[in-house]
Protein backbone atom coordinates (compact mmCIF):
# COMPACT_ATOMS: atom_id res chain seq x y z
CA MET A 1 83.22 80.66 105.40
CA LEU A 2 82.77 80.52 109.14
CA ASN A 3 82.95 83.73 111.11
CA ARG A 4 85.88 83.91 113.47
CA PRO A 5 84.89 84.05 117.13
CA THR A 6 85.64 87.51 118.38
CA PHE A 7 84.38 88.54 121.80
CA GLY A 8 83.71 84.99 123.02
CA GLY A 9 87.21 83.84 122.10
CA HIS A 10 88.76 86.64 124.14
CA ILE A 11 86.56 85.83 127.12
CA ARG A 12 87.55 82.16 127.00
CA GLY A 13 91.21 83.15 126.86
CA TRP A 14 90.90 85.45 129.85
CA THR A 15 88.91 82.83 131.74
CA ALA A 16 91.66 80.24 131.21
CA PHE A 17 94.34 82.79 132.14
CA PHE A 18 92.67 83.90 135.38
CA ASP A 19 91.74 80.33 136.32
CA THR A 20 95.44 79.41 136.09
CA VAL A 21 96.55 82.53 137.97
CA PHE A 22 94.11 81.93 140.84
CA ALA A 23 95.09 78.25 141.05
CA LEU A 24 98.74 79.27 141.33
CA ILE A 25 97.92 81.89 143.97
CA ALA A 26 95.97 79.30 145.96
CA GLY A 27 98.86 76.87 145.71
CA PHE A 28 101.38 79.52 146.79
CA ALA A 29 99.15 80.38 149.75
CA ILE A 30 98.24 76.87 150.89
CA MET A 31 101.36 74.78 150.30
CA PRO A 32 103.74 76.78 152.55
CA ALA A 33 101.17 76.47 155.36
CA VAL A 34 100.95 72.73 154.74
CA PHE A 35 104.75 72.33 154.88
CA ALA A 36 105.04 74.58 157.93
CA SER A 37 102.48 72.44 159.76
CA GLY A 38 104.34 69.23 158.91
CA ILE A 39 101.34 67.76 157.07
CA GLU A 40 101.64 65.44 154.08
CA PRO A 41 101.10 67.58 150.92
CA ALA A 42 100.06 64.62 148.75
CA ALA A 43 96.85 64.09 150.70
CA GLY A 44 94.66 64.71 147.62
CA PRO A 45 91.03 65.75 148.16
CA SER A 46 91.34 65.10 151.88
CA LEU A 47 93.79 68.02 151.99
CA VAL A 48 90.83 70.41 151.88
CA PHE A 49 88.74 68.71 154.56
CA GLU A 50 91.34 67.21 156.89
CA THR A 51 94.53 69.22 156.54
CA LEU A 52 93.30 72.75 155.97
CA PRO A 53 91.02 72.81 159.05
CA VAL A 54 94.10 72.05 161.16
CA ILE A 55 95.92 74.97 159.57
CA PHE A 56 92.87 77.25 159.77
CA SER A 57 92.34 76.45 163.45
CA ARG A 58 95.31 78.72 164.16
CA MET A 59 93.91 81.60 162.10
CA GLY A 60 90.65 82.48 163.85
CA VAL A 61 87.12 82.09 162.52
CA VAL A 62 86.70 84.55 159.64
CA LEU A 63 89.27 83.19 157.17
CA PRO A 64 88.10 79.56 157.37
CA VAL A 65 84.46 80.58 156.92
CA ILE A 66 85.34 82.68 153.86
CA PHE A 67 87.50 79.88 152.44
CA PHE A 68 84.87 77.16 152.82
CA LEU A 69 82.14 79.44 151.44
CA ALA A 70 84.37 80.00 148.40
CA ILE A 71 84.82 76.21 148.11
CA LEU A 72 81.03 75.79 148.28
CA ILE A 73 80.44 78.38 145.55
CA ALA A 74 83.15 76.83 143.37
CA ALA A 75 81.66 73.36 143.84
CA LEU A 76 78.12 74.53 143.03
CA SER A 77 79.15 76.48 139.95
CA SER A 78 81.24 73.55 138.67
CA SER A 79 78.48 71.04 139.34
CA ILE A 80 75.96 73.13 137.41
CA SER A 81 78.07 72.97 134.25
CA MET A 82 78.75 69.24 134.68
CA LEU A 83 75.14 68.29 135.41
CA GLU A 84 73.82 70.40 132.54
CA VAL A 85 75.14 67.84 130.05
CA VAL A 86 73.01 65.10 131.60
CA VAL A 87 70.00 67.41 131.93
CA ALA A 88 70.28 68.48 128.27
CA TRP A 89 70.50 64.84 127.18
CA MET A 90 67.41 63.95 129.22
CA VAL A 91 65.47 66.88 127.74
CA ASP A 92 66.63 66.50 124.13
CA GLN A 93 66.85 62.73 123.76
CA LYS A 94 64.29 61.43 126.25
CA GLY A 95 61.73 64.23 126.08
CA ILE A 96 61.66 64.77 129.84
CA ARG A 97 60.56 68.21 131.04
CA ARG A 98 63.53 70.30 132.09
CA SER A 99 62.31 70.84 135.65
CA TYR A 100 61.94 67.06 136.19
CA ALA A 101 65.30 66.36 134.58
CA VAL A 102 67.02 68.91 136.82
CA LEU A 103 65.32 67.46 139.90
CA ALA A 104 66.22 63.86 138.97
CA VAL A 105 69.87 64.69 138.27
CA PHE A 106 70.11 66.78 141.43
CA VAL A 107 68.66 64.01 143.60
CA ALA A 108 70.96 61.38 142.04
CA ALA A 109 74.03 63.58 142.51
CA ALA A 110 73.02 64.49 146.06
CA MET A 111 72.55 60.82 146.95
CA LEU A 112 75.93 59.82 145.52
CA GLY A 113 77.59 62.84 147.14
CA SER A 114 76.01 62.08 150.51
CA ALA A 115 77.10 58.46 150.30
CA CYS A 116 80.65 59.58 149.52
CA ALA A 117 80.58 62.01 152.44
CA VAL A 118 79.73 59.33 154.99
CA ALA A 119 81.74 56.47 153.44
CA PRO A 120 85.41 57.40 153.02
CA ARG A 121 86.13 54.19 151.07
CA LEU A 122 83.39 55.04 148.54
CA PHE A 123 84.78 58.58 148.30
CA GLY A 124 88.21 57.12 147.52
CA ILE A 125 86.78 54.84 144.85
CA CYS A 126 84.81 57.67 143.21
CA ASP A 127 87.86 59.94 143.37
CA PHE A 128 90.08 57.29 141.79
CA VAL A 129 87.61 56.42 139.03
CA SER A 130 86.85 60.06 138.14
CA SER A 131 90.49 61.21 138.29
CA ASN A 132 92.23 58.24 136.71
CA VAL A 133 89.64 56.71 134.41
CA LEU A 134 86.81 59.06 133.44
CA MET A 135 88.94 62.18 132.99
CA MET A 136 91.40 60.26 130.85
CA ILE A 137 88.64 58.77 128.71
CA GLY A 138 87.07 62.21 128.24
CA ALA A 139 90.37 63.87 127.39
CA LEU A 140 91.32 61.10 124.96
CA ALA A 141 87.88 61.21 123.31
CA PHE A 142 88.18 64.99 122.93
CA ALA A 143 91.66 64.76 121.39
CA LEU A 144 90.64 61.98 119.01
CA ILE A 145 87.39 63.62 117.93
CA VAL A 146 88.93 67.05 117.40
CA GLY A 147 92.18 65.75 115.91
CA TRP A 148 90.89 62.95 113.72
CA ASN A 149 87.13 63.36 113.20
CA MET A 150 86.53 67.10 112.79
CA PRO A 151 87.46 68.65 109.45
CA ARG A 152 90.90 70.25 109.64
CA ASP A 153 89.71 73.65 108.39
CA LYS A 154 87.09 73.86 111.14
CA VAL A 155 89.63 73.00 113.82
CA LEU A 156 92.13 75.53 112.42
CA HIS A 157 89.35 78.11 112.37
CA TYR A 158 89.17 77.94 116.16
CA VAL A 159 92.73 77.13 117.25
CA ARG A 160 94.28 79.45 114.64
CA TYR A 161 97.76 77.89 114.85
CA ARG A 162 98.77 74.79 112.92
CA PHE A 163 101.12 73.54 115.64
CA VAL A 164 98.19 73.42 118.10
CA TYR A 165 96.29 71.24 115.64
CA TRP A 166 99.36 69.00 115.35
CA LEU A 167 99.60 68.83 119.17
CA ILE A 168 95.93 67.89 119.49
CA ARG A 169 96.16 65.29 116.74
CA TYR A 170 99.45 63.55 117.50
CA VAL A 171 100.95 64.56 120.85
CA ALA A 172 97.89 64.85 123.10
CA PRO A 173 96.58 61.28 122.59
CA VAL A 174 100.01 59.77 123.27
CA MET A 175 100.54 61.92 126.37
CA ILE A 176 97.03 61.21 127.69
CA VAL A 177 97.55 57.45 127.34
CA ALA A 178 101.00 57.74 128.98
CA ILE A 179 99.55 59.69 131.91
CA ALA A 180 96.67 57.22 132.25
CA VAL A 181 99.01 54.24 132.32
CA THR A 182 101.31 55.98 134.82
CA ASN A 183 98.36 56.83 137.08
CA LEU A 184 96.97 53.31 136.96
CA LEU A 185 100.35 51.78 137.78
């Protein structure tokens, strides 16, 4: 019998809870300022780099610096977890030393990121592909693997509630495909 996750499960739950709370707080703080400034709220990623500087220009220097430092820290911490998958694959499957794998992945990501920064059309393409194609493929693969490939008892060991297993197995794939089709149309 597998041991139930104890401390780690609680940490993951609190992490998800606080991530949602802080996202809501950010939305409640930013969106009224966007509406008050008469700026289009559906600007997407450009909202951070085009719209918010206009709003922050009226607030002095300290708040924008703190905000963009927080964005930088969030971006770096998120990129570390995303790039670790590629680094681990290079180390485990290809036998590349970890330091070289990290350097290679960093340089590749920096080059693509720099190209996106100077070419708005490329940024738009990368944003569209990652948001509307890659995320949907990843979410659908997760739902199908967990719902249909993993043994039911192992899944129930971690989700603990049968209705969540049913949601992952039947509802999530249908909803993910529906969202993907809606986004692509």
